Amino acid sequence: MTLQTNLQHLTSAAEVEKTINENENVMVCCGRMGPMCVPVYAIMEDLEKSGKYNHVAFRDMLFDHPEAAIIRNLPECRGFMGLPFTVYYKNGKVVKATSSIQNLDQILDILDAEFAQ
């Protein structure tokens, strides 16, 4: 099963590693097609299309995929209860992680703080 989004899907731990190693700034939303996740995917799709954040690689990953343990088991996600788990990587390192629904302003605050050009 894959997510029904227009984002590039990560389907293995190796793909996650490759993506964070090849891109300076990466936002990965790890979730399902549920009511807390879909709005985050939609915001990511809009930001990707806008061109304003071309310096950020926007990706998604299915939370229930066994390979998603690379996200689920991060120390930064340890206390998370709600989906999605959204992780922001800069230069291969986690710089921010959030859980549950996020609105546009919350996401923009993180993108602008962590990935300022």
PDB file of N, CA and C in Angstrom:
ATOM      1  N   MET A   1       0.835  -1.195   0.000  1.00  0.00           N
ATOM      2  CA  MET A   1       0.000   0.000   0.000  1.00  0.00           C
ATOM      3  C   MET A   1       0.875   1.252   0.000  1.00  0.00           C
ATOM      4  N   THR A   2       0.461   2.259  -0.744  1.00  0.00           N
ATOM      5  CA  THR A   2       1.167   3.533  -0.745  1.00  0.00           C
ATOM      6  C   THR A   2       0.188   4.645  -0.390  1.00  0.00           C
ATOM      7  N   LEU A   3       0.738   5.777  -0.065  1.00  0.00           N
ATOM      8  CA  LEU A   3      -0.089   6.932   0.259  1.00  0.00           C
ATOM      9  C   LEU A   3      -0.605   7.565  -1.031  1.00  0.00           C
ATOM     10  N   GLN A   4      -1.840   8.058  -0.991  1.00  0.00           N
ATOM     11  CA  GLN A   4      -2.424   8.699  -2.164  1.00  0.00           C
ATOM     12  C   GLN A   4      -2.138  10.202  -2.110  1.00  0.00           C
ATOM     13  N   THR A   5      -0.874  10.552  -2.331  1.00  0.00           N
ATOM     14  CA  THR A   5      -0.483  11.955  -2.372  1.00  0.00           C
ATOM     15  C   THR A   5       0.302  12.182  -3.650  1.00  0.00           C
ATOM     16  N   ASN A   6       0.565  13.443  -3.946  1.00  0.00           N
ATOM     17  CA  ASN A   6       1.402  13.789  -5.095  1.00  0.00           C
ATOM     18  C   ASN A   6       2.847  14.026  -4.669  1.00  0.00           C
ATOM     19  N   LEU A   7       3.172  13.636  -3.448  1.00  0.00           N
ATOM     20  CA  LEU A   7       4.540  13.756  -2.964  1.00  0.00           C
ATOM     21  C   LEU A   7       5.341  12.538  -3.392  1.00  0.00           C
ATOM     22  N   GLN A   8       6.648  12.679  -3.394  1.00  0.00           N
ATOM     23  CA  GLN A   8       7.510  11.534  -3.660  1.00  0.00           C
ATOM     24  C   GLN A   8       7.472  10.640  -2.424  1.00  0.00           C
ATOM     25  N   HIS A   9       7.211   9.352  -2.624  1.00  0.00           N
ATOM     26  CA  HIS A   9       7.081   8.401  -1.523  1.00  0.00           C
ATOM     27  C   HIS A   9       8.428   7.770  -1.183  1.00  0.00           C
ATOM     28  N   LEU A  10       8.701   7.662   0.097  1.00  0.00           N
ATOM     29  CA  LEU A  10       9.848   6.895   0.569  1.00  0.00           C
ATOM     30  C   LEU A  10       9.318   5.542   1.006  1.00  0.00           C
ATOM     31  N   THR A  11       9.913   4.459   0.498  1.00  0.00           N
ATOM     32  CA  THR A  11       9.375   3.132   0.800  1.00  0.00           C
ATOM     33  C   THR A  11      10.378   2.221   1.497  1.00  0.00           C
ATOM     34  N   SER A  12      11.572   2.760   1.784  1.00  0.00           N
ATOM     35  CA  SER A  12      12.557   1.933   2.485  1.00  0.00           C
ATOM     36  C   SER A  12      13.464   2.824   3.329  1.00  0.00           C
ATOM     37  N   ALA A  13      14.087   2.205   4.326  1.00  0.00           N
ATOM     38  CA  ALA A  13      15.047   2.934   5.156  1.00  0.00           C
ATOM     39  C   ALA A  13      16.193   3.445   4.288  1.00  0.00           C
ATOM     40  N   ALA A  14      16.595   2.643   3.299  1.00  0.00           N
ATOM     41  CA  ALA A  14      17.674   3.054   2.399  1.00  0.00           C
ATOM     42  C   ALA A  14      17.292   4.315   1.626  1.00  0.00           C
ATOM     43  N   GLU A  15      16.034   4.403   1.192  1.00  0.00           N
ATOM     44  CA  GLU A  15      15.573   5.605   0.484  1.00  0.00           C
ATOM     45  C   GLU A  15      15.586   6.821   1.399  1.00  0.00           C
ATOM     46  N   VAL A  16      15.205   6.634   2.666  1.00  0.00           N
ATOM     47  CA  VAL A  16      15.247   7.745   3.624  1.00  0.00           C
ATOM     48  C   VAL A  16      16.691   8.216   3.766  1.00  0.00           C
ATOM     49  N   GLU A  17      17.599   7.287   3.994  1.00  0.00           N
ATOM     50  CA  GLU A  17      19.024   7.630   4.151  1.00  0.00           C
ATOM     51  C   GLU A  17      19.552   8.349   2.913  1.00  0.00           C
ATOM     52  N   LYS A  18      19.236   7.812   1.739  1.00  0.00           N
ATOM     53  CA  LYS A  18      19.699   8.410   0.480  1.00  0.00           C
ATOM     54  C   LYS A  18      19.163   9.837   0.338  1.00  0.00           C
ATOM     55  N   THR A  19      17.886  10.033   0.644  1.00  0.00           N
ATOM     56  CA  THR A  19      17.256  11.343   0.510  1.00  0.00           C
ATOM     57  C   THR A  19      17.886  12.355   1.460  1.00  0.00           C
ATOM     58  N   ILE A  20      18.087  11.967   2.724  1.00  0.00           N
ATOM     59  CA  ILE A  20      18.650  12.943   3.669  1.00  0.00           C
ATOM     60  C   ILE A  20      20.137  13.182   3.425  1.00  0.00           C
ATOM     61  N   ASN A  21      20.801  12.240   2.777  1.00  0.00           N
ATOM     62  CA  ASN A  21      22.215  12.440   2.453  1.00  0.00           C
ATOM     63  C   ASN A  21      22.414  13.256   1.181  1.00  0.00           C
ATOM     64  N   GLU A  22      21.447  13.201   0.271  1.00  0.00           N
ATOM     65  CA  GLU A  22      21.581  13.895  -1.013  1.00  0.00           C
ATOM     66  C   GLU A  22      20.939  15.277  -1.042  1.00  0.00           C
ATOM     67  N   ASN A  23      20.148  15.610  -0.012  1.00  0.00           N
ATOM     68  CA  ASN A  23      19.463  16.902   0.043  1.00  0.00           C
ATOM     69  C   ASN A  23      19.799  17.582   1.365  1.00  0.00           C
ATOM     70  N   GLU A  24      20.141  18.861   1.291  1.00  0.00           N
ATOM     71  CA  GLU A  24      20.489  19.592   2.514  1.00  0.00           C
ATOM     72  C   GLU A  24      19.290  19.679   3.458  1.00  0.00           C
ATOM     73  N   ASN A  25      18.095  19.978   2.901  1.00  0.00           N
ATOM     74  CA  ASN A  25      16.885  20.189   3.696  1.00  0.00           C
ATOM     75  C   ASN A  25      15.808  19.198   3.270  1.00  0.00           C
ATOM     76  N   VAL A  26      15.298  18.434   4.232  1.00  0.00           N
ATOM     77  CA  VAL A  26      14.288  17.413   3.925  1.00  0.00           C
ATOM     78  C   VAL A  26      13.183  17.464   4.969  1.00  0.00           C
ATOM     79  N   MET A  27      11.937  17.418   4.498  1.00  0.00           N
ATOM     80  CA  MET A  27      10.764  17.296   5.366  1.00  0.00           C
ATOM     81  C   MET A  27      10.085  15.982   5.010  1.00  0.00           C
ATOM     82  N   VAL A  28       9.998  15.080   5.994  1.00  0.00           N
ATOM     83  CA  VAL A  28       9.347  13.783   5.774  1.00  0.00           C
ATOM     84  C   VAL A  28       8.119  13.707   6.671  1.00  0.00           C
ATOM     85  N   CYS A  29       6.974  13.467   6.066  1.00  0.00           N
ATOM     86  CA  CYS A  29       5.731  13.270   6.810  1.00  0.00           C
ATOM     87  C   CYS A  29       5.410  11.780   6.773  1.00  0.00           C
ATOM     88  N   CYS A  30       5.445  11.167   7.937  1.00  0.00           N
ATOM     89  CA  CYS A  30       5.237   9.725   8.060  1.00  0.00           C
ATOM     90  C   CYS A  30       3.864   9.506   8.692  1.00  0.00           C
ATOM     91  N   GLY A  31       2.912   9.011   7.898  1.00  0.00           N
ATOM     92  CA  GLY A  31       1.561   8.864   8.414  1.00  0.00           C
ATOM     93  C   GLY A  31       0.722   7.908   7.591  1.00  0.00           C
ATOM     94  N   ARG A  32      -0.579   8.123   7.694  1.00  0.00           N
ATOM     95  CA  ARG A  32      -1.583   7.345   6.961  1.00  0.00           C
ATOM     96  C   ARG A  32      -2.467   8.334   6.210  1.00  0.00           C
ATOM     97  N   MET A  33      -3.479   7.830   5.538  1.00  0.00           N
ATOM     98  CA  MET A  33      -4.432   8.710   4.855  1.00  0.00           C
ATOM     99  C   MET A  33      -5.578   9.033   5.817  1.00  0.00           C
ATOM    100  N   GLY A  34      -5.226   9.555   6.978  1.00  0.00           N
ATOM    101  CA  GLY A  34      -6.208   9.865   8.012  1.00  0.00           C
ATOM    102  C   GLY A  34      -6.429  11.355   8.160  1.00  0.00           C
ATOM    103  N   PRO A  35      -7.406  11.739   9.004  1.00  0.00           N
ATOM    104  CA  PRO A  35      -7.814  13.143   9.131  1.00  0.00           C
ATOM    105  C   PRO A  35      -6.741  14.068   9.713  1.00  0.00           C
ATOM    106  N   MET A  36      -5.762  13.534  10.426  1.00  0.00           N
ATOM    107  CA  MET A  36      -4.701  14.363  10.976  1.00  0.00           C
ATOM    108  C   MET A  36      -3.527  14.476   9.994  1.00  0.00           C
ATOM    109  N   CYS A  37      -3.425  13.516   9.090  1.00  0.00           N
ATOM    110  CA  CYS A  37      -2.289  13.448   8.166  1.00  0.00           C
ATOM    111  C   CYS A  37      -2.561  14.167   6.844  1.00  0.00           C
ATOM    112  N   VAL A  38      -3.739  13.967   6.290  1.00  0.00           N
ATOM    113  CA  VAL A  38      -4.060  14.488   4.963  1.00  0.00           C
ATOM    114  C   VAL A  38      -3.828  16.004   4.855  1.00  0.00           C
ATOM    115  N   PRO A  39      -4.219  16.808   5.864  1.00  0.00           N
ATOM    116  CA  PRO A  39      -3.958  18.248   5.752  1.00  0.00           C
ATOM    117  C   PRO A  39      -2.458  18.580   5.673  1.00  0.00           C
ATOM    118  N   VAL A  40      -1.635  17.808   6.354  1.00  0.00           N
ATOM    119  CA  VAL A  40      -0.183  18.050   6.310  1.00  0.00           C
ATOM    120  C   VAL A  40       0.351  17.725   4.918  1.00  0.00           C
ATOM    121  N   TYR A  41      -0.089  16.589   4.349  1.00  0.00           N
ATOM    122  CA  TYR A  41       0.328  16.250   2.984  1.00  0.00           C
ATOM    123  C   TYR A  41      -0.089  17.360   2.009  1.00  0.00           C
ATOM    124  N   ALA A  42      -1.304  17.862   2.168  1.00  0.00           N
ATOM    125  CA  ALA A  42      -1.820  18.897   1.264  1.00  0.00           C
ATOM    126  C   ALA A  42      -0.964  20.163   1.346  1.00  0.00           C
ATOM    127  N   ILE A  43      -0.589  20.549   2.552  1.00  0.00           N
ATOM    128  CA  ILE A  43       0.272  21.725   2.726  1.00  0.00           C
ATOM    129  C   ILE A  43       1.623  21.483   2.067  1.00  0.00           C
ATOM    130  N   MET A  44       2.184  20.300   2.264  1.00  0.00           N
ATOM    131  CA  MET A  44       3.477  19.970   1.650  1.00  0.00           C
ATOM    132  C   MET A  44       3.386  20.023   0.127  1.00  0.00           C
ATOM    133  N   GLU A  45       2.295  19.479  -0.434  1.00  0.00           N
ATOM    134  CA  GLU A  45       2.105  19.512  -1.886  1.00  0.00           C
ATOM    135  C   GLU A  45       2.030  20.950  -2.389  1.00  0.00           C
ATOM    136  N   ASP A  46       1.265  21.797  -1.673  1.00  0.00           N
ATOM    137  CA  ASP A  46       1.126  23.199  -2.075  1.00  0.00           C
ATOM    138  C   ASP A  46       2.464  23.928  -2.005  1.00  0.00           C
ATOM    139  N   LEU A  47       3.228  23.679  -0.933  1.00  0.00           N
ATOM    140  CA  LEU A  47       4.528  24.333  -0.788  1.00  0.00           C
ATOM    141  C   LEU A  47       5.496  23.878  -1.879  1.00  0.00           C
ATOM    142  N   GLU A  48       5.452  22.588  -2.198  1.00  0.00           N
ATOM    143  CA  GLU A  48       6.320  22.060  -3.247  1.00  0.00           C
ATOM    144  C   GLU A  48       5.986  22.711  -4.591  1.00  0.00           C
ATOM    145  N   LYS A  49       4.677  22.842  -4.869  1.00  0.00           N
ATOM    146  CA  LYS A  49       4.217  23.446  -6.129  1.00  0.00           C
ATOM    147  C   LYS A  49       4.531  24.935  -6.206  1.00  0.00           C
ATOM    148  N   SER A  50       4.516  25.605  -5.049  1.00  0.00           N
ATOM    149  CA  SER A  50       4.677  27.065  -5.023  1.00  0.00           C
ATOM    150  C   SER A  50       6.044  27.506  -5.527  1.00  0.00           C
ATOM    151  N   GLY A  51       7.046  26.638  -5.389  1.00  0.00           N
ATOM    152  CA  GLY A  51       8.384  26.999  -5.823  1.00  0.00           C
ATOM    153  C   GLY A  51       9.160  27.818  -4.808  1.00  0.00           C
ATOM    154  N   LYS A  52       8.479  28.300  -3.768  1.00  0.00           N
ATOM    155  CA  LYS A  52       9.149  29.133  -2.756  1.00  0.00           C
ATOM    156  C   LYS A  52      10.125  28.302  -1.916  1.00  0.00           C
ATOM    157  N   TYR A  53       9.891  27.008  -1.846  1.00  0.00           N
ATOM    158  CA  TYR A  53      10.731  26.137  -1.019  1.00  0.00           C
ATOM    159  C   TYR A  53      11.437  25.079  -1.879  1.00  0.00           C
ATOM    160  N   ASN A  54      11.977  25.522  -3.004  1.00  0.00           N
ATOM    161  CA  ASN A  54      12.696  24.591  -3.881  1.00  0.00           C
ATOM    162  C   ASN A  54      13.941  24.019  -3.213  1.00  0.00           C
ATOM    163  N   HIS A  55      14.388  24.654  -2.132  1.00  0.00           N
ATOM    164  CA  HIS A  55      15.573  24.183  -1.404  1.00  0.00           C
ATOM    165  C   HIS A  55      15.222  23.110  -0.370  1.00  0.00           C
ATOM    166  N   VAL A  56      13.942  22.677  -0.354  1.00  0.00           N
ATOM    167  CA  VAL A  56      13.489  21.641   0.581  1.00  0.00           C
ATOM    168  C   VAL A  56      12.948  20.456  -0.220  1.00  0.00           C
ATOM    169  N   ALA A  57      13.378  19.251   0.164  1.00  0.00           N
ATOM    170  CA  ALA A  57      12.833  18.025  -0.435  1.00  0.00           C
ATOM    171  C   ALA A  57      11.650  17.573   0.421  1.00  0.00           C
ATOM    172  N   PHE A  58      10.463  17.579  -0.151  1.00  0.00           N
ATOM    173  CA  PHE A  58       9.248  17.166   0.549  1.00  0.00           C
ATOM    174  C   PHE A  58       8.962  15.706   0.213  1.00  0.00           C
ATOM    175  N   ARG A  59       8.855  14.856   1.236  1.00  0.00           N
ATOM    176  CA  ARG A  59       8.623  13.423   1.026  1.00  0.00           C
ATOM    177  C   ARG A  59       7.580  12.916   2.019  1.00  0.00           C
ATOM    178  N   ASP A  60       6.946  11.793   1.670  1.00  0.00           N
ATOM    179  CA  ASP A  60       6.062  11.122   2.621  1.00  0.00           C
ATOM    180  C   ASP A  60       6.483   9.672   2.762  1.00  0.00           C
ATOM    181  N   MET A  61       5.980   9.053   3.829  1.00  0.00           N
ATOM    182  CA  MET A  61       6.265   7.641   4.081  1.00  0.00           C
ATOM    183  C   MET A  61       5.084   7.047   4.829  1.00  0.00           C
ATOM    184  N   LEU A  62       4.705   5.857   4.447  1.00  0.00           N
ATOM    185  CA  LEU A  62       3.588   5.168   5.085  1.00  0.00           C
ATOM    186  C   LEU A  62       4.002   4.702   6.482  1.00  0.00           C
ATOM    187  N   PHE A  63       3.300   5.180   7.501  1.00  0.00           N
ATOM    188  CA  PHE A  63       3.634   4.902   8.894  1.00  0.00           C
ATOM    189  C   PHE A  63       3.675   3.410   9.202  1.00  0.00           C
ATOM    190  N   ASP A  64       2.765   2.636   8.602  1.00  0.00           N
ATOM    191  CA  ASP A  64       2.649   1.216   8.929  1.00  0.00           C
ATOM    192  C   ASP A  64       3.631   0.322   8.173  1.00  0.00           C
ATOM    193  N   HIS A  65       4.404   0.892   7.275  1.00  0.00           N
ATOM    194  CA  HIS A  65       5.401   0.105   6.537  1.00  0.00           C
ATOM    195  C   HIS A  65       6.520  -0.279   7.507  1.00  0.00           C
ATOM    196  N   PRO A  66       6.965  -1.532   7.483  1.00  0.00           N
ATOM    197  CA  PRO A  66       8.039  -1.950   8.404  1.00  0.00           C
ATOM    198  C   PRO A  66       9.279  -1.058   8.311  1.00  0.00           C
ATOM    199  N   GLU A  67       9.582  -0.578   7.116  1.00  0.00           N
ATOM    200  CA  GLU A  67      10.773   0.255   6.925  1.00  0.00           C
ATOM    201  C   GLU A  67      10.624   1.644   7.559  1.00  0.00           C
ATOM    202  N   ALA A  68       9.380   2.032   7.903  1.00  0.00           N
ATOM    203  CA  ALA A  68       9.161   3.341   8.532  1.00  0.00           C
ATOM    204  C   ALA A  68       9.697   3.387   9.968  1.00  0.00           C
ATOM    205  N   ALA A  69      10.205   2.276  10.453  1.00  0.00           N
ATOM    206  CA  ALA A  69      10.836   2.258  11.781  1.00  0.00           C
ATOM    207  C   ALA A  69      11.969   3.274  11.853  1.00  0.00           C
ATOM    208  N   ILE A  70      12.585   3.579  10.712  1.00  0.00           N
ATOM    209  CA  ILE A  70      13.660   4.569  10.686  1.00  0.00           C
ATOM    210  C   ILE A  70      13.159   5.942  11.149  1.00  0.00           C
ATOM    211  N   ILE A  71      11.868   6.201  10.962  1.00  0.00           N
ATOM    212  CA  ILE A  71      11.243   7.437  11.456  1.00  0.00           C
ATOM    213  C   ILE A  71      10.608   7.194  12.829  1.00  0.00           C
ATOM    214  N   ARG A  72       9.802   6.158  12.918  1.00  0.00           N
ATOM    215  CA  ARG A  72       9.065   5.872  14.170  1.00  0.00           C
ATOM    216  C   ARG A  72       9.976   5.751  15.385  1.00  0.00           C
ATOM    217  N   ASN A  73      11.180   5.192  15.189  1.00  0.00           N
ATOM    218  CA  ASN A  73      12.073   4.908  16.313  1.00  0.00           C
ATOM    219  C   ASN A  73      13.105   5.992  16.588  1.00  0.00           C
ATOM    220  N   LEU A  74      12.998   7.122  15.917  1.00  0.00           N
ATOM    221  CA  LEU A  74      13.929   8.215  16.197  1.00  0.00           C
ATOM    222  C   LEU A  74      13.770   8.676  17.646  1.00  0.00           C
ATOM    223  N   PRO A  75      14.862   9.014  18.328  1.00  0.00           N
ATOM    224  CA  PRO A  75      14.750   9.539  19.697  1.00  0.00           C
ATOM    225  C   PRO A  75      13.839  10.771  19.756  1.00  0.00           C
ATOM    226  N   GLU A  76      13.868  11.597  18.694  1.00  0.00           N
ATOM    227  CA  GLU A  76      13.040  12.813  18.654  1.00  0.00           C
ATOM    228  C   GLU A  76      11.550  12.495  18.588  1.00  0.00           C
ATOM    229  N   CYS A  77      11.192  11.265  18.218  1.00  0.00           N
ATOM    230  CA  CYS A  77       9.781  10.871  18.083  1.00  0.00           C
ATOM    231  C   CYS A  77       9.314   9.995  19.249  1.00  0.00           C
ATOM    232  N   ARG A  78      10.176   9.746  20.199  1.00  0.00           N
ATOM    233  CA  ARG A  78       9.906   8.770  21.257  1.00  0.00           C
ATOM    234  C   ARG A  78       8.574   8.994  21.983  1.00  0.00           C
ATOM    235  N   GLY A  79       8.252  10.223  22.335  1.00  0.00           N
ATOM    236  CA  GLY A  79       7.037  10.474  23.100  1.00  0.00           C
ATOM    237  C   GLY A  79       5.811  10.766  22.265  1.00  0.00           C
ATOM    238  N   PHE A  80       5.920  10.647  20.956  1.00  0.00           N
ATOM    239  CA  PHE A  80       4.814  11.020  20.074  1.00  0.00           C
ATOM    240  C   PHE A  80       3.651  10.039  20.195  1.00  0.00           C
ATOM    241  N   MET A  81       2.433  10.591  20.224  1.00  0.00           N
ATOM    242  CA  MET A  81       1.231   9.769  20.308  1.00  0.00           C
ATOM    243  C   MET A  81       0.378   9.878  19.044  1.00  0.00           C
ATOM    244  N   GLY A  82       0.363  11.037  18.404  1.00  0.00           N
ATOM    245  CA  GLY A  82      -0.536  11.248  17.272  1.00  0.00           C
ATOM    246  C   GLY A  82       0.186  11.264  15.943  1.00  0.00           C
ATOM    247  N   LEU A  83      -0.514  10.809  14.919  1.00  0.00           N
ATOM    248  CA  LEU A  83       0.018  10.848  13.558  1.00  0.00           C
ATOM    249  C   LEU A  83      -0.374  12.164  12.900  1.00  0.00           C
ATOM    250  N   PRO A  84       0.387  12.605  11.922  1.00  0.00           N
ATOM    251  CA  PRO A  84       1.625  12.015  11.425  1.00  0.00           C
ATOM    252  C   PRO A  84       2.829  12.419  12.268  1.00  0.00           C
ATOM    253  N   PHE A  85       3.909  11.680  12.086  1.00  0.00           N
ATOM    254  CA  PHE A  85       5.214  12.079  12.608  1.00  0.00           C
ATOM    255  C   PHE A  85       5.869  12.850  11.460  1.00  0.00           C
ATOM    256  N   THR A  86       6.186  14.103  11.684  1.00  0.00           N
ATOM    257  CA  THR A  86       6.831  14.911  10.653  1.00  0.00           C
ATOM    258  C   THR A  86       8.227  15.258  11.136  1.00  0.00           C
ATOM    259  N   VAL A  87       9.213  14.902  10.323  1.00  0.00           N
ATOM    260  CA  VAL A  87      10.611  15.068  10.713  1.00  0.00           C
ATOM    261  C   VAL A  87      11.310  15.957   9.694  1.00  0.00           C
ATOM    262  N   TYR A  88      12.060  16.908  10.221  1.00  0.00           N
ATOM    263  CA  TYR A  88      12.808  17.862   9.408  1.00  0.00           C
ATOM    264  C   TYR A  88      14.298  17.568   9.569  1.00  0.00           C
ATOM    265  N   TYR A  89      14.968  17.335   8.452  1.00  0.00           N
ATOM    266  CA  TYR A  89      16.400  17.023   8.456  1.00  0.00           C
ATOM    267  C   TYR A  89      17.175  18.148   7.777  1.00  0.00           C
ATOM    268  N   LYS A  90      18.294  18.527   8.367  1.00  0.00           N
ATOM    269  CA  LYS A  90      19.219  19.465   7.735  1.00  0.00           C
ATOM    270  C   LYS A  90      20.601  18.822   7.768  1.00  0.00           C
ATOM    271  N   ASN A  91      21.208  18.720   6.590  1.00  0.00           N
ATOM    272  CA  ASN A  91      22.539  18.105   6.473  1.00  0.00           C
ATOM    273  C   ASN A  91      22.585  16.728   7.139  1.00  0.00           C
ATOM    274  N   GLY A  92      21.515  15.938   6.937  1.00  0.00           N
ATOM    275  CA  GLY A  92      21.480  14.561   7.422  1.00  0.00           C
ATOM    276  C   GLY A  92      21.118  14.393   8.886  1.00  0.00           C
ATOM    277  N   LYS A  93      20.873  15.489   9.594  1.00  0.00           N
ATOM    278  CA  LYS A  93      20.546  15.409  11.021  1.00  0.00           C
ATOM    279  C   LYS A  93      19.141  15.935  11.284  1.00  0.00           C
ATOM    280  N   VAL A  94      18.456  15.329  12.261  1.00  0.00           N
ATOM    281  CA  VAL A  94      17.128  15.810  12.645  1.00  0.00           C
ATOM    282  C   VAL A  94      17.285  17.153  13.349  1.00  0.00           C
ATOM    283  N   VAL A  95      16.583  18.178  12.838  1.00  0.00           N
ATOM    284  CA  VAL A  95      16.616  19.483  13.488  1.00  0.00           C
ATOM    285  C   VAL A  95      15.285  19.821  14.159  1.00  0.00           C
ATOM    286  N   LYS A  96      14.221  19.095  13.780  1.00  0.00           N
ATOM    287  CA  LYS A  96      12.906  19.332  14.373  1.00  0.00           C
ATOM    288  C   LYS A  96      12.028  18.131  14.051  1.00  0.00           C
ATOM    289  N   ALA A  97      11.123  17.811  14.974  1.00  0.00           N
ATOM    290  CA  ALA A  97      10.142  16.751  14.729  1.00  0.00           C
ATOM    291  C   ALA A  97       8.842  17.148  15.416  1.00  0.00           C
ATOM    292  N   THR A  98       7.739  16.908  14.745  1.00  0.00           N
ATOM    293  CA  THR A  98       6.420  17.211  15.304  1.00  0.00           C
ATOM    294  C   THR A  98       5.511  16.000  15.136  1.00  0.00           C
ATOM    295  N   SER A  99       4.473  15.958  15.965  1.00  0.00           N
ATOM    296  CA  SER A  99       3.472  14.911  15.787  1.00  0.00           C
ATOM    297  C   SER A  99       2.100  15.552  15.740  1.00  0.00           C
ATOM    298  N   SER A 100       1.176  14.835  15.145  1.00  0.00           N
ATOM    299  CA  SER A 100      -0.203  15.251  14.980  1.00  0.00           C
ATOM    300  C   SER A 100      -0.308  16.325  13.895  1.00  0.00           C
ATOM    301  N   ILE A 101      -1.508  16.833  13.744  1.00  0.00           N
ATOM    302  CA  ILE A 101      -1.781  17.773  12.661  1.00  0.00           C
ATOM    303  C   ILE A 101      -1.003  19.072  12.891  1.00  0.00           C
ATOM    304  N   GLN A 102      -0.547  19.659  11.820  1.00  0.00           N
ATOM    305  CA  GLN A 102       0.106  20.961  11.841  1.00  0.00           C
ATOM    306  C   GLN A 102      -0.591  21.822  10.800  1.00  0.00           C
ATOM    307  N   ASN A 103      -0.721  23.124  11.098  1.00  0.00           N
ATOM    308  CA  ASN A 103      -1.310  24.015  10.099  1.00  0.00           C
ATOM    309  C   ASN A 103      -0.199  24.699   9.296  1.00  0.00           C
ATOM    310  N   LEU A 104      -0.595  25.435   8.288  1.00  0.00           N
ATOM    311  CA  LEU A 104       0.372  26.070   7.398  1.00  0.00           C
ATOM    312  C   LEU A 104       1.343  26.958   8.171  1.00  0.00           C
ATOM    313  N   ASP A 105       0.828  27.790   9.066  1.00  0.00           N
ATOM    314  CA  ASP A 105       1.700  28.705   9.808  1.00  0.00           C
ATOM    315  C   ASP A 105       2.726  27.950  10.646  1.00  0.00           C
ATOM    316  N   GLN A 106       2.311  26.861  11.278  1.00  0.00           N
ATOM    317  CA  GLN A 106       3.238  26.069  12.089  1.00  0.00           C
ATOM    318  C   GLN A 106       4.353  25.480  11.212  1.00  0.00           C
ATOM    319  N   ILE A 107       3.974  24.967  10.054  1.00  0.00           N
ATOM    320  CA  ILE A 107       4.962  24.379   9.147  1.00  0.00           C
ATOM    321  C   ILE A 107       5.894  25.455   8.604  1.00  0.00           C
ATOM    322  N   LEU A 108       5.336  26.593   8.199  1.00  0.00           N
ATOM    323  CA  LEU A 108       6.170  27.677   7.671  1.00  0.00           C
ATOM    324  C   LEU A 108       7.149  28.180   8.724  1.00  0.00           C
ATOM    325  N   ASP A 109       6.705  28.273   9.978  1.00  0.00           N
ATOM    326  CA  ASP A 109       7.607  28.705  11.062  1.00  0.00           C
ATOM    327  C   ASP A 109       8.819  27.787  11.147  1.00  0.00           C
ATOM    328  N   ILE A 110       8.577  26.485  11.060  1.00  0.00           N
ATOM    329  CA  ILE A 110       9.679  25.511  11.143  1.00  0.00           C
ATOM    330  C   ILE A 110      10.568  25.613   9.905  1.00  0.00           C
ATOM    331  N   LEU A 111       9.956  25.625   8.722  1.00  0.00           N
ATOM    332  CA  LEU A 111      10.738  25.703   7.483  1.00  0.00           C
ATOM    333  C   LEU A 111      11.614  26.954   7.465  1.00  0.00           C
ATOM    334  N   ASP A 112      11.025  28.076   7.864  1.00  0.00           N
ATOM    335  CA  ASP A 112      11.772  29.345   7.816  1.00  0.00           C
ATOM    336  C   ASP A 112      12.857  29.394   8.902  1.00  0.00           C
ATOM    337  N   ALA A 113      12.597  28.799  10.051  1.00  0.00           N
ATOM    338  CA  ALA A 113      13.592  28.800  11.140  1.00  0.00           C
ATOM    339  C   ALA A 113      14.739  27.837  10.847  1.00  0.00           C
ATOM    340  N   GLU A 114      14.405  26.643  10.373  1.00  0.00           N
ATOM    341  CA  GLU A 114      15.425  25.602  10.201  1.00  0.00           C
ATOM    342  C   GLU A 114      16.095  25.603   8.843  1.00  0.00           C
ATOM    343  N   PHE A 115      15.359  26.033   7.806  1.00  0.00           N
ATOM    344  CA  PHE A 115      15.877  25.928   6.443  1.00  0.00           C
ATOM    345  C   PHE A 115      16.009  27.291   5.758  1.00  0.00           C
ATOM    346  N   ALA A 116      16.215  28.349   6.527  1.00  0.00           N
ATOM    347  CA  ALA A 116      16.354  29.673   5.933  1.00  0.00           C
ATOM    348  C   ALA A 116      17.497  29.663   4.920  1.00  0.00           C
ATOM    349  N   GLN A 117      17.267  30.318   3.809  1.00  0.00           N
ATOM    350  CA  GLN A 117      18.301  30.325   2.752  1.00  0.00           C
ATOM    351  C   GLN A 117      19.349  31.383   3.053  1.00  0.00           C
TER     352      GLN A 117
END
